[in-house]
Amino acid sequence: MPSTNVNIRMDIETKKEAEKLFDSLGIRMTTAINIFLTNSP
């Protein structure tokens, strides 16, 4: 499946906290966002 880039803006602290969370889960932020988007109704 072809892929594309998506740019988003977020607070620096939110990004840092998200990266810590995803790192503890062993996944990258890109993977987490893709999981969220593909499992949304």
C-alpha atoms as a PDB file:
ATOM      1  CA  MET A   1       0.000   0.000   0.000  1.00  0.00           C
ATOM      2  CA  PRO A   2       1.423   3.430  -0.879  1.00  0.00           C
ATOM      3  CA  SER A   3       2.086   5.805   1.979  1.00  0.00           C
ATOM      4  CA  THR A   4       2.066   9.565   2.416  1.00  0.00           C
ATOM      5  CA  ASN A   5       3.413  12.075   4.921  1.00  0.00           C
ATOM      6  CA  VAL A   6       1.122  13.855   7.370  1.00  0.00           C
ATOM      7  CA  ASN A   7       2.254  16.913   9.328  1.00  0.00           C
ATOM      8  CA  ILE A   8       0.630  17.825  12.632  1.00  0.00           C
ATOM      9  CA  ARG A   9       1.287  20.493  15.229  1.00  0.00           C
ATOM     10  CA  MET A  10       1.208  19.779  18.938  1.00  0.00           C
ATOM     11  CA  ASP A  11       2.528  21.137  22.183  1.00  0.00           C
ATOM     12  CA  ILE A  12       6.159  20.146  22.812  1.00  0.00           C
ATOM     13  CA  GLU A  13       5.357  18.632  26.215  1.00  0.00           C
ATOM     14  CA  THR A  14       2.503  16.589  24.746  1.00  0.00           C
ATOM     15  CA  LYS A  15       4.878  15.191  22.133  1.00  0.00           C
ATOM     16  CA  LYS A  16       7.527  14.343  24.728  1.00  0.00           C
ATOM     17  CA  GLU A  17       5.001  12.569  26.938  1.00  0.00           C
ATOM     18  CA  ALA A  18       3.559  10.676  23.980  1.00  0.00           C
ATOM     19  CA  GLU A  19       7.034   9.591  22.883  1.00  0.00           C
ATOM     20  CA  LYS A  20       7.758   8.320  26.405  1.00  0.00           C
ATOM     21  CA  LEU A  21       4.494   6.386  26.473  1.00  0.00           C
ATOM     22  CA  PHE A  22       4.962   4.839  23.040  1.00  0.00           C
ATOM     23  CA  ASP A  23       8.595   4.020  23.805  1.00  0.00           C
ATOM     24  CA  SER A  24       7.486   2.154  26.933  1.00  0.00           C
ATOM     25  CA  LEU A  25       5.061   0.201  24.740  1.00  0.00           C
ATOM     26  CA  GLY A  26       7.807  -0.537  22.218  1.00  0.00           C
ATOM     27  CA  ILE A  27       6.189   1.324  19.318  1.00  0.00           C
ATOM     28  CA  ARG A  28       6.931   4.478  17.366  1.00  0.00           C
ATOM     29  CA  MET A  29       4.557   7.438  17.314  1.00  0.00           C
ATOM     30  CA  THR A  30       3.835   6.800  13.633  1.00  0.00           C
ATOM     31  CA  THR A  31       2.712   3.272  14.464  1.00  0.00           C
ATOM     32  CA  ALA A  32       0.515   4.509  17.322  1.00  0.00           C
ATOM     33  CA  ILE A  33      -1.163   7.118  15.111  1.00  0.00           C
ATOM     34  CA  ASN A  34      -1.751   4.536  12.376  1.00  0.00           C
ATOM     35  CA  ILE A  35      -3.314   2.157  14.929  1.00  0.00           C
ATOM     36  CA  PHE A  36      -5.583   4.950  16.147  1.00  0.00           C
ATOM     37  CA  LEU A  37      -6.657   5.978  12.654  1.00  0.00           C
ATOM     38  CA  THR A  38      -7.277   2.482  11.348  1.00  0.00           C
ATOM     39  CA  ASN A  39      -9.325   1.499  14.395  1.00  0.00           C
ATOM     40  CA  SER A  40     -11.524   4.593  14.444  1.00  0.00           C
ATOM     41  CA  PRO A  41     -15.222   4.125  13.563  1.00  0.00           C
END
